[in-house]
Amino acid sequence: MTYEQLGQLFASYASGLWVTVQLTVFSLVLGLLIAIPLAVLRVSPNRIVSRPVAVYTWFMRGTPLLAQLMIVYYGFGQFQWMQDAWQRGTPILSLLRDPYDCALIALTANTCAYTTEILAGALRATPYGEIEAARAYGMSQFTTWRRILLPSALRRFIPAYSNEVILMLHGTSLVSAITIVDLTGVARDFYANYYAPFEAFISVGTVYFGLTTIITLLVRLTERRYLVYLRPQNFATLAKS
């Protein structure tokens, strides 16, 4: 392999890394923003609002991410009404024509389902004493959710959510199946061009490993910042305080 080819290879890996990071960050941010109100509905005692959310999370968690990508990218395009909408240039439906937008939609819907259940579990684990204290201070139900329940649940769900972040990073490797050249797509092209599967996938696996390590370190820093009050304290610490 010449130096020119190596330069092209590193440029391709940099481009694929940028696509992977974009899809991971955008899907996680959008999924979290949508999951917060869905988690509130999920823990509602009213089945009319909680049951549709439960069905959505059950379906998304019960089907493979690859199948969801295929349905969004290939499935909707077979319908005539969708093709007519593309011809008319309908703004929202035209998103389903672009592979990047299809991947972002599928990834967001998938991580949103998992995040909703994680956050709903954190809400259910809220100590009832916190709710009683809020009522004792005369807080309304909206204020209790805004200042007590959601902030407390968002802190407690950080450790479990970190696993979802890592899984979503790894899940983006499936988008190469719908013609997107991410990190895994670059590795496949490298293998196809140079017939070097070991070098191609070991190198891309090393990049994923490095990204996972960075995420793990960031999560630990976040836990130290927002979960200090949950750390067990020894008697020496209590005596000094």
Protein backbone atom coordinates (compact mmCIF):
# COMPACT_ATOMS: atom_id res chain seq x y z
CA MET A 1 0.00 0.00 0.00
CA THR A 2 1.44 3.37 -1.04
CA TYR A 3 1.59 6.52 1.07
CA GLU A 4 -1.10 8.06 -1.11
CA GLN A 5 -3.38 5.12 -0.47
CA LEU A 6 -2.69 5.34 3.27
CA GLY A 7 -3.57 9.03 3.20
CA GLN A 8 -6.85 8.25 1.44
CA LEU A 9 -7.55 5.50 3.95
CA PHE A 10 -7.03 7.77 6.96
CA ALA A 11 -9.23 10.42 5.33
CA SER A 12 -11.94 7.81 4.81
CA TYR A 13 -11.70 6.70 8.44
CA ALA A 14 -11.92 10.30 9.61
CA SER A 15 -15.02 10.84 7.47
CA GLY A 16 -16.59 7.61 8.73
CA LEU A 17 -15.78 8.54 12.33
CA TRP A 18 -17.51 11.90 11.88
CA VAL A 19 -20.64 10.18 10.54
CA THR A 20 -20.65 7.73 13.46
CA VAL A 21 -20.24 10.49 16.05
CA GLN A 22 -22.96 12.58 14.42
CA LEU A 23 -25.49 9.76 14.35
CA THR A 24 -24.69 8.76 17.93
CA VAL A 25 -24.95 12.27 19.39
CA PHE A 26 -27.99 13.39 17.41
CA SER A 27 -29.96 10.19 18.07
CA LEU A 28 -29.16 10.25 21.79
CA VAL A 29 -30.07 13.92 22.21
CA LEU A 30 -33.32 13.62 20.26
CA GLY A 31 -34.17 10.33 21.94
CA LEU A 32 -33.64 11.77 25.41
CA LEU A 33 -35.71 14.88 24.68
CA ILE A 34 -38.61 12.75 23.46
CA ALA A 35 -38.19 10.15 26.21
CA ILE A 36 -38.64 12.62 29.08
CA PRO A 37 -42.34 13.38 28.40
CA LEU A 38 -42.93 9.75 27.35
CA ALA A 39 -41.51 8.53 30.67
CA VAL A 40 -43.88 10.85 32.53
CA LEU A 41 -46.77 9.34 30.57
CA ARG A 42 -45.37 5.82 31.12
CA VAL A 43 -45.65 6.08 34.92
CA SER A 44 -49.08 7.69 34.80
CA PRO A 45 -51.83 5.71 36.56
CA ASN A 46 -54.13 6.58 33.64
CA ARG A 47 -53.94 3.63 31.25
CA ILE A 48 -55.23 5.70 28.36
CA VAL A 49 -51.93 7.62 28.26
CA SER A 50 -49.56 4.99 29.69
CA ARG A 51 -50.62 2.00 27.60
CA PRO A 52 -49.73 3.46 24.14
CA VAL A 53 -46.26 4.34 25.45
CA ALA A 54 -45.90 0.82 26.87
CA VAL A 55 -46.84 -0.70 23.50
CA TYR A 56 -44.32 1.52 21.71
CA THR A 57 -41.45 0.64 24.04
CA TRP A 58 -42.41 -3.05 23.99
CA PHE A 59 -42.33 -3.14 20.18
CA MET A 60 -39.11 -1.17 19.76
CA ARG A 61 -37.27 -3.20 22.40
CA GLY A 62 -38.62 -6.47 21.07
CA THR A 63 -37.44 -6.05 17.47
CA PRO A 64 -33.86 -5.87 16.19
CA LEU A 65 -32.41 -2.47 15.34
CA LEU A 66 -31.33 -3.75 11.94
CA ALA A 67 -34.92 -4.71 11.11
CA GLN A 68 -36.09 -1.25 12.17
CA LEU A 69 -33.50 0.36 9.89
CA MET A 70 -34.63 -1.78 6.98
CA ILE A 71 -38.30 -0.98 7.60
CA VAL A 72 -37.70 2.77 7.71
CA TYR A 73 -35.38 2.88 4.69
CA TYR A 74 -36.75 0.17 2.41
CA GLY A 75 -40.22 -0.54 3.79
CA PHE A 76 -42.01 2.79 3.46
CA GLY A 77 -40.71 3.43 -0.04
CA GLN A 78 -42.74 0.57 -1.48
CA PHE A 79 -46.06 2.33 -0.82
CA GLN A 80 -47.49 4.37 -3.65
CA TRP A 81 -48.72 7.16 -1.38
CA MET A 82 -45.17 7.57 -0.09
CA GLN A 83 -43.76 7.73 -3.61
CA ASP A 84 -46.40 10.32 -4.52
CA ALA A 85 -45.42 12.37 -1.48
CA TRP A 86 -41.79 12.27 -2.60
CA GLN A 87 -42.80 13.48 -6.06
CA ARG A 88 -44.72 16.36 -4.50
CA GLY A 89 -41.73 17.19 -2.30
CA THR A 90 -43.57 16.87 1.02
CA PRO A 91 -40.99 18.15 3.56
CA ILE A 92 -41.42 15.63 6.39
CA LEU A 93 -42.03 12.53 4.28
CA SER A 94 -39.11 13.41 2.03
CA LEU A 95 -36.84 12.64 4.98
CA LEU A 96 -37.58 8.96 4.42
CA ARG A 97 -35.89 9.20 1.03
CA ASP A 98 -32.44 10.02 2.38
CA PRO A 99 -30.48 7.16 4.01
CA TYR A 100 -28.91 9.44 6.63
CA ASP A 101 -32.29 10.78 7.75
CA CYS A 102 -33.75 7.27 7.77
CA ALA A 103 -30.89 6.06 9.94
CA LEU A 104 -31.33 8.99 12.33
CA ILE A 105 -35.08 8.33 12.60
CA ALA A 106 -34.60 4.62 13.30
CA LEU A 107 -31.79 5.16 15.81
CA THR A 108 -33.74 7.90 17.60
CA ALA A 109 -36.88 5.77 17.84
CA ASN A 110 -34.87 2.84 19.17
CA THR A 111 -32.91 4.69 21.83
CA CYS A 112 -36.01 6.67 22.81
CA ALA A 113 -37.80 3.43 23.74
CA TYR A 114 -34.97 2.20 25.95
CA THR A 115 -34.43 5.62 27.51
CA THR A 116 -38.14 5.92 28.28
CA GLU A 117 -38.12 2.67 30.24
CA ILE A 118 -34.88 3.54 32.05
CA LEU A 119 -36.21 6.94 33.09
CA ALA A 120 -39.61 5.50 34.01
CA GLY A 121 -37.87 3.03 36.31
CA ALA A 122 -35.92 5.87 37.93
CA LEU A 123 -39.17 7.79 38.45
CA ARG A 124 -40.80 4.79 40.11
CA ALA A 125 -37.78 4.47 42.42
CA THR A 126 -38.16 8.03 43.71
CA PRO A 127 -38.45 7.93 47.52
CA TYR A 128 -41.95 8.86 48.56
CA GLY A 129 -40.50 11.13 51.23
CA GLU A 130 -39.33 13.52 48.52
CA ILE A 131 -42.88 13.82 47.23
CA GLU A 132 -44.25 14.34 50.73
CA ALA A 133 -41.65 17.04 51.37
CA ALA A 134 -42.65 18.83 48.18
CA ARG A 135 -46.29 18.73 49.18
CA ALA A 136 -45.40 19.99 52.64
CA TYR A 137 -43.76 23.01 51.02
CA GLY A 138 -46.95 23.67 49.12
CA MET A 139 -45.60 22.82 45.66
CA SER A 140 -48.08 22.21 42.90
CA GLN A 141 -47.98 18.97 40.93
CA PHE A 142 -46.23 20.66 38.00
CA THR A 143 -43.64 22.26 40.27
CA THR A 144 -43.05 18.93 42.02
CA TRP A 145 -42.34 17.28 38.69
CA ARG A 146 -40.11 20.13 37.53
CA ARG A 147 -38.07 20.65 40.71
CA ILE A 148 -38.16 17.30 42.52
CA LEU A 149 -39.18 14.24 40.51
CA LEU A 150 -37.49 14.79 37.14
CA PRO A 151 -34.16 16.19 38.46
CA SER A 152 -33.91 13.40 41.03
CA ALA A 153 -34.78 10.68 38.48
CA LEU A 154 -32.39 12.08 35.86
CA ARG A 155 -29.54 11.85 38.36
CA ARG A 156 -30.33 8.27 39.33
CA PHE A 157 -30.73 7.04 35.78
CA ILE A 158 -27.22 8.12 34.71
CA PRO A 159 -25.50 4.75 35.43
CA ALA A 160 -28.10 2.74 33.51
CA TYR A 161 -28.29 5.29 30.70
CA SER A 162 -24.53 5.08 30.19
CA ASN A 163 -25.00 1.51 28.96
CA GLU A 164 -27.58 2.74 26.47
CA VAL A 165 -25.13 5.37 25.20
CA ILE A 166 -22.50 2.71 24.56
CA LEU A 167 -24.99 0.35 22.95
CA MET A 168 -26.21 3.14 20.67
CA LEU A 169 -22.63 3.90 19.63
CA HIS A 170 -22.18 0.27 18.68
CA GLY A 171 -25.63 0.17 17.08
CA THR A 172 -24.64 2.85 14.59
CA SER A 173 -22.40 0.25 12.93
CA LEU A 174 -25.56 -1.22 11.39
CA VAL A 175 -26.26 1.87 9.28
CA SER A 176 -23.73 0.66 6.73
CA ALA A 177 -26.44 -1.82 5.69
CA ILE A 178 -28.43 1.09 4.19
CA THR A 179 -25.55 2.55 2.14
CA ILE A 180 -24.19 4.96 4.78
CA VAL A 181 -20.40 5.04 4.94
CA ASP A 182 -19.72 5.17 8.66
CA LEU A 183 -16.76 3.56 10.44
CA THR A 184 -17.97 0.06 9.68
CA GLY A 185 -18.77 1.06 6.10
CA VAL A 186 -15.21 2.31 5.65
CA ALA A 187 -13.87 -0.98 7.03
CA ARG A 188 -16.02 -2.92 4.56
CA ASP A 189 -14.77 -0.81 1.67
CA PHE A 190 -11.19 -1.31 2.84
CA TYR A 191 -11.73 -5.06 2.97
CA ALA A 192 -13.33 -5.08 -0.49
CA ASN A 193 -10.53 -3.06 -2.04
CA TYR A 194 -7.48 -4.65 -0.40
CA TYR A 195 -8.78 -8.06 0.78
CA ALA A 196 -7.44 -7.44 4.27
CA PRO A 197 -10.29 -8.26 6.67
CA PHE A 198 -8.05 -8.57 9.73
CA GLU A 199 -6.51 -5.12 9.33
CA ALA A 200 -9.81 -3.52 8.35
CA PHE A 201 -11.96 -4.72 11.23
CA ILE A 202 -9.25 -4.74 13.91
CA SER A 203 -8.53 -1.09 13.16
CA VAL A 204 -12.18 -0.07 13.23
CA GLY A 205 -12.75 -2.13 16.37
CA THR A 206 -9.90 -0.25 18.02
CA VAL A 207 -11.59 3.06 17.17
CA TYR A 208 -14.88 1.87 18.69
CA PHE A 209 -12.98 0.70 21.76
CA GLY A 210 -11.40 4.13 22.13
CA LEU A 211 -14.76 5.88 21.80
CA THR A 212 -16.29 3.55 24.37
CA THR A 213 -13.44 4.29 26.78
CA ILE A 214 -13.98 8.03 26.38
CA ILE A 215 -17.72 7.64 27.05
CA THR A 216 -17.01 5.54 30.15
CA LEU A 217 -14.66 8.17 31.55
CA LEU A 218 -17.15 10.96 30.87
CA VAL A 219 -19.90 9.00 32.60
CA ARG A 220 -17.70 8.48 35.66
CA LEU A 221 -17.01 12.20 35.84
CA THR A 222 -20.74 12.89 35.52
CA GLU A 223 -21.55 10.42 38.29
CA ARG A 224 -18.99 12.06 40.58
CA ARG A 225 -20.58 15.42 39.89
CA TYR A 226 -24.27 14.56 40.24
CA LEU A 227 -24.36 11.39 42.37
CA VAL A 228 -22.15 12.46 45.27
CA TYR A 229 -25.06 12.31 47.72
CA LEU A 230 -25.59 8.62 46.94
CA ARG A 231 -22.05 7.55 47.85
CA PRO A 232 -21.69 5.51 51.03
CA GLN A 233 -19.77 7.43 53.68
CA ASN A 234 -17.46 5.89 56.25
CA PHE A 235 -17.37 6.87 59.89
CA ALA A 236 -14.17 8.90 59.48
CA THR A 237 -15.85 11.09 56.89
CA LEU A 238 -18.90 11.55 59.09
CA ALA A 239 -16.72 12.47 62.07
CA LYS A 240 -14.87 15.13 60.08
CA SER A 241 -18.15 16.64 58.90
